[in-house]
C-alpha atoms as a PDB file:
ATOM      1  CA  MET A   1     -61.711 339.988  37.163  1.00  0.00           C
ATOM      2  CA  ILE A   2     -62.093 341.555  33.570  1.00  0.00           C
ATOM      3  CA  GLU A   3     -65.805 342.094  32.096  1.00  0.00           C
ATOM      4  CA  ILE A   4     -65.549 342.177  28.790  1.00  0.00           C
ATOM      5  CA  TRP A   5     -68.885 343.384  26.458  1.00  0.00           C
ATOM      6  CA  ILE A   6     -69.342 341.502  22.863  1.00  0.00           C
ATOM      7  CA  ASN A   7     -70.720 340.863  20.194  1.00  0.00           C
ATOM      8  CA  PRO A   8     -69.978 337.471  18.886  1.00  0.00           C
ATOM      9  CA  ASP A   9     -70.338 338.019  14.871  1.00  0.00           C
ATOM     10  CA  CYS A  10     -67.820 341.011  15.452  1.00  0.00           C
ATOM     11  CA  SER A  11     -64.095 339.719  14.054  1.00  0.00           C
ATOM     12  CA  LYS A  12     -62.676 342.718  16.660  1.00  0.00           C
ATOM     13  CA  CYS A  13     -64.431 340.934  19.604  1.00  0.00           C
ATOM     14  CA  ARG A  14     -63.061 337.559  19.277  1.00  0.00           C
ATOM     15  CA  ALA A  15     -59.627 338.601  18.677  1.00  0.00           C
ATOM     16  CA  ALA A  16     -59.733 340.614  22.006  1.00  0.00           C
ATOM     17  CA  LEU A  17     -61.230 337.412  23.266  1.00  0.00           C
ATOM     18  CA  SER A  18     -58.454 335.321  21.796  1.00  0.00           C
ATOM     19  CA  ILE A  19     -55.919 338.067  23.512  1.00  0.00           C
ATOM     20  CA  LEU A  20     -57.008 337.760  26.482  1.00  0.00           C
ATOM     21  CA  ASP A  21     -57.124 333.864  26.629  1.00  0.00           C
ATOM     22  CA  ALA A  22     -53.601 333.601  25.221  1.00  0.00           C
ATOM     23  CA  GLU A  23     -52.806 336.125  28.390  1.00  0.00           C
ATOM     24  CA  GLN A  24     -54.482 333.337  30.603  1.00  0.00           C
ATOM     25  CA  ALA A  25     -56.985 336.636  31.908  1.00  0.00           C
ATOM     26  CA  GLY A  26     -59.722 335.617  34.220  1.00  0.00           C
ATOM     27  CA  TYR A  27     -62.902 337.195  32.478  1.00  0.00           C
ATOM     28  CA  THR A  28     -66.295 337.280  31.912  1.00  0.00           C
ATOM     29  CA  VAL A  29     -68.265 337.501  28.741  1.00  0.00           C
ATOM     30  CA  ARG A  30     -71.541 339.985  28.324  1.00  0.00           C
ATOM     31  CA  ARG A  31     -73.184 339.277  25.402  1.00  0.00           C
ATOM     32  CA  TYR A  32     -74.699 342.826  25.260  1.00  0.00           C
ATOM     33  CA  LEU A  33     -77.126 342.121  22.246  1.00  0.00           C
ATOM     34  CA  ASP A  34     -78.656 339.304  24.254  1.00  0.00           C
ATOM     35  CA  ASP A  35     -78.221 341.232  28.140  1.00  0.00           C
ATOM     36  CA  PRO A  36     -77.862 345.028  27.273  1.00  0.00           C
ATOM     37  CA  PRO A  37     -76.997 347.364  29.610  1.00  0.00           C
ATOM     38  CA  THR A  38     -79.061 349.761  31.762  1.00  0.00           C
ATOM     39  CA  GLU A  39     -78.950 353.086  31.029  1.00  0.00           C
ATOM     40  CA  GLN A  40     -77.375 353.221  34.615  1.00  0.00           C
ATOM     41  CA  GLU A  41     -74.530 351.059  33.160  1.00  0.00           C
ATOM     42  CA  LEU A  42     -73.505 352.692  30.229  1.00  0.00           C
ATOM     43  CA  ARG A  43     -73.474 356.090  32.363  1.00  0.00           C
ATOM     44  CA  ASP A  44     -71.115 354.218  34.174  1.00  0.00           C
ATOM     45  CA  VAL A  45     -68.681 353.049  31.734  1.00  0.00           C
ATOM     46  CA  LEU A  46     -68.686 356.165  30.057  1.00  0.00           C
ATOM     47  CA  ALA A  47     -67.479 358.001  33.508  1.00  0.00           C
ATOM     48  CA  ARG A  48     -65.227 354.406  33.202  1.00  0.00           C
ATOM     49  CA  LEU A  49     -63.878 355.056  29.538  1.00  0.00           C
ATOM     50  CA  GLY A  50     -64.177 359.516  29.734  1.00  0.00           C
ATOM     51  CA  LEU A  51     -65.840 358.899  27.092  1.00  0.00           C
ATOM     52  CA  GLU A  52     -69.962 360.678  25.928  1.00  0.00           C
ATOM     53  CA  PRO A  53     -72.240 358.282  24.367  1.00  0.00           C
ATOM     54  CA  TRP A  54     -71.482 359.783  21.221  1.00  0.00           C
ATOM     55  CA  ASP A  55     -68.041 358.402  21.083  1.00  0.00           C
ATOM     56  CA  ILE A  56     -69.136 354.788  21.612  1.00  0.00           C
ATOM     57  CA  THR A  57     -71.742 355.266  18.497  1.00  0.00           C
ATOM     58  CA  ARG A  58     -71.834 352.985  15.595  1.00  0.00           C
ATOM     59  CA  HIS A  59     -73.172 356.043  13.199  1.00  0.00           C
ATOM     60  CA  GLY A  60     -73.006 353.333  10.116  1.00  0.00           C
ATOM     61  CA  GLU A  61     -75.686 350.972  11.843  1.00  0.00           C
ATOM     62  CA  PRO A  62     -78.759 351.077   9.576  1.00  0.00           C
ATOM     63  CA  VAL A  63     -80.867 352.039  12.974  1.00  0.00           C
ATOM     64  CA  ALA A  64     -78.160 354.936  13.401  1.00  0.00           C
ATOM     65  CA  ALA A  65     -79.976 356.304   9.844  1.00  0.00           C
ATOM     66  CA  GLU A  66     -83.337 355.405  11.140  1.00  0.00           C
ATOM     67  CA  LEU A  67     -82.590 357.671  14.209  1.00  0.00           C
ATOM     68  CA  GLY A  68     -81.274 360.356  12.543  1.00  0.00           C
ATOM     69  CA  LEU A  69     -78.504 360.318  14.876  1.00  0.00           C
ATOM     70  CA  GLU A  70     -76.262 362.204  12.816  1.00  0.00           C
ATOM     71  CA  ALA A  71     -77.814 365.296  13.328  1.00  0.00           C
ATOM     72  CA  TRP A  72     -78.494 364.582  16.800  1.00  0.00           C
ATOM     73  CA  PRO A  73     -76.523 367.376  18.815  1.00  0.00           C
ATOM     74  CA  ARG A  74     -73.651 366.413  20.930  1.00  0.00           C
ATOM     75  CA  THR A  75     -74.549 368.671  23.199  1.00  0.00           C
ATOM     76  CA  PRO A  76     -74.644 368.124  27.667  1.00  0.00           C
ATOM     77  CA  GLU A  77     -78.069 368.968  27.235  1.00  0.00           C
ATOM     78  CA  SER A  78     -78.740 365.795  24.805  1.00  0.00           C
ATOM     79  CA  ARG A  79     -76.517 363.097  26.627  1.00  0.00           C
ATOM     80  CA  ASP A  80     -79.657 361.434  28.067  1.00  0.00           C
ATOM     81  CA  ARG A  81     -81.030 361.086  24.739  1.00  0.00           C
ATOM     82  CA  TRP A  82     -78.009 359.419  23.074  1.00  0.00           C
ATOM     83  CA  ILE A  83     -77.886 357.446  26.449  1.00  0.00           C
ATOM     84  CA  GLY A  84     -81.319 356.058  25.882  1.00  0.00           C
ATOM     85  CA  ALA A  85     -80.658 355.197  21.940  1.00  0.00           C
ATOM     86  CA  LEU A  86     -77.778 353.122  22.935  1.00  0.00           C
ATOM     87  CA  ALA A  87     -79.951 350.991  25.389  1.00  0.00           C
ATOM     88  CA  GLY A  88     -82.699 351.198  23.611  1.00  0.00           C
ATOM     89  CA  HIS A  89     -80.815 349.588  20.220  1.00  0.00           C
ATOM     90  CA  PRO A  90     -77.534 348.034  22.262  1.00  0.00           C
ATOM     91  CA  ILE A  91     -76.358 347.286  18.035  1.00  0.00           C
ATOM     92  CA  LEU A  92     -75.396 351.151  18.351  1.00  0.00           C
ATOM     93  CA  ILE A  93     -72.286 350.447  21.279  1.00  0.00           C
ATOM     94  CA  GLN A  94     -69.147 350.307  19.743  1.00  0.00           C
ATOM     95  CA  ARG A  95     -67.350 347.458  20.757  1.00  0.00           C
ATOM     96  CA  PRO A  96     -65.750 345.101  22.518  1.00  0.00           C
ATOM     97  CA  ILE A  97     -65.697 347.537  26.191  1.00  0.00           C
ATOM     98  CA  ILE A  98     -63.523 345.844  28.547  1.00  0.00           C
ATOM     99  CA  THR A  99     -64.023 346.971  32.140  1.00  0.00           C
ATOM    100  CA  ALA A 100     -61.380 345.989  34.923  1.00  0.00           C
ATOM    101  CA  ALA A 101     -61.938 345.449  38.717  1.00  0.00           C
ATOM    102  CA  ASP A 102     -59.403 348.537  39.922  1.00  0.00           C
ATOM    103  CA  GLY A 103     -62.404 350.853  37.487  1.00  0.00           C
ATOM    104  CA  ALA A 104     -60.159 350.651  34.466  1.00  0.00           C
ATOM    105  CA  ALA A 105     -62.002 350.317  31.191  1.00  0.00           C
ATOM    106  CA  VAL A 106     -61.276 350.597  27.569  1.00  0.00           C
ATOM    107  CA  VAL A 107     -62.654 350.224  24.058  1.00  0.00           C
ATOM    108  CA  ALA A 108     -60.480 347.311  22.892  1.00  0.00           C
ATOM    109  CA  ARG A 109     -60.434 347.703  19.680  1.00  0.00           C
ATOM    110  CA  THR A 110     -56.814 347.074  18.473  1.00  0.00           C
ATOM    111  CA  GLU A 111     -54.410 344.165  20.539  1.00  0.00           C
ATOM    112  CA  GLU A 112     -52.646 347.685  22.508  1.00  0.00           C
ATOM    113  CA  ALA A 113     -55.766 348.424  23.834  1.00  0.00           C
ATOM    114  CA  VAL A 114     -56.712 344.634  24.710  1.00  0.00           C
ATOM    115  CA  ARG A 115     -53.618 345.029  26.640  1.00  0.00           C
ATOM    116  CA  SER A 116     -53.677 348.169  28.361  1.00  0.00           C
ATOM    117  CA  ALA A 117     -56.572 346.529  30.449  1.00  0.00           C
ATOM    118  CA  LEU A 118     -54.759 343.491  31.300  1.00  0.00           C
END
């Protein structure tokens, strides 16, 4: 089973859902703005993605500027601070993110990325 974290207002999310539907893939949708991931869920997804929290942060969001994220260090010591920001402000999370039952995960912003999760 596949889970996809989406913002329904996002064109990349809608495109990913269209691909999944066309492939008749079984999936569940998580509207992560309404049902934000916990810090532990973010840690788990980051481990599956092989990325750091700053790698999946939407730096262009107004709240990113309000928090001054561009000035935050990108170090192991600051990782928890970044994860806390993502959990507290889920609009900062890059989307869509697909996780698969086999442990794979991908930031599915391209058709190729979506298909890699199938």
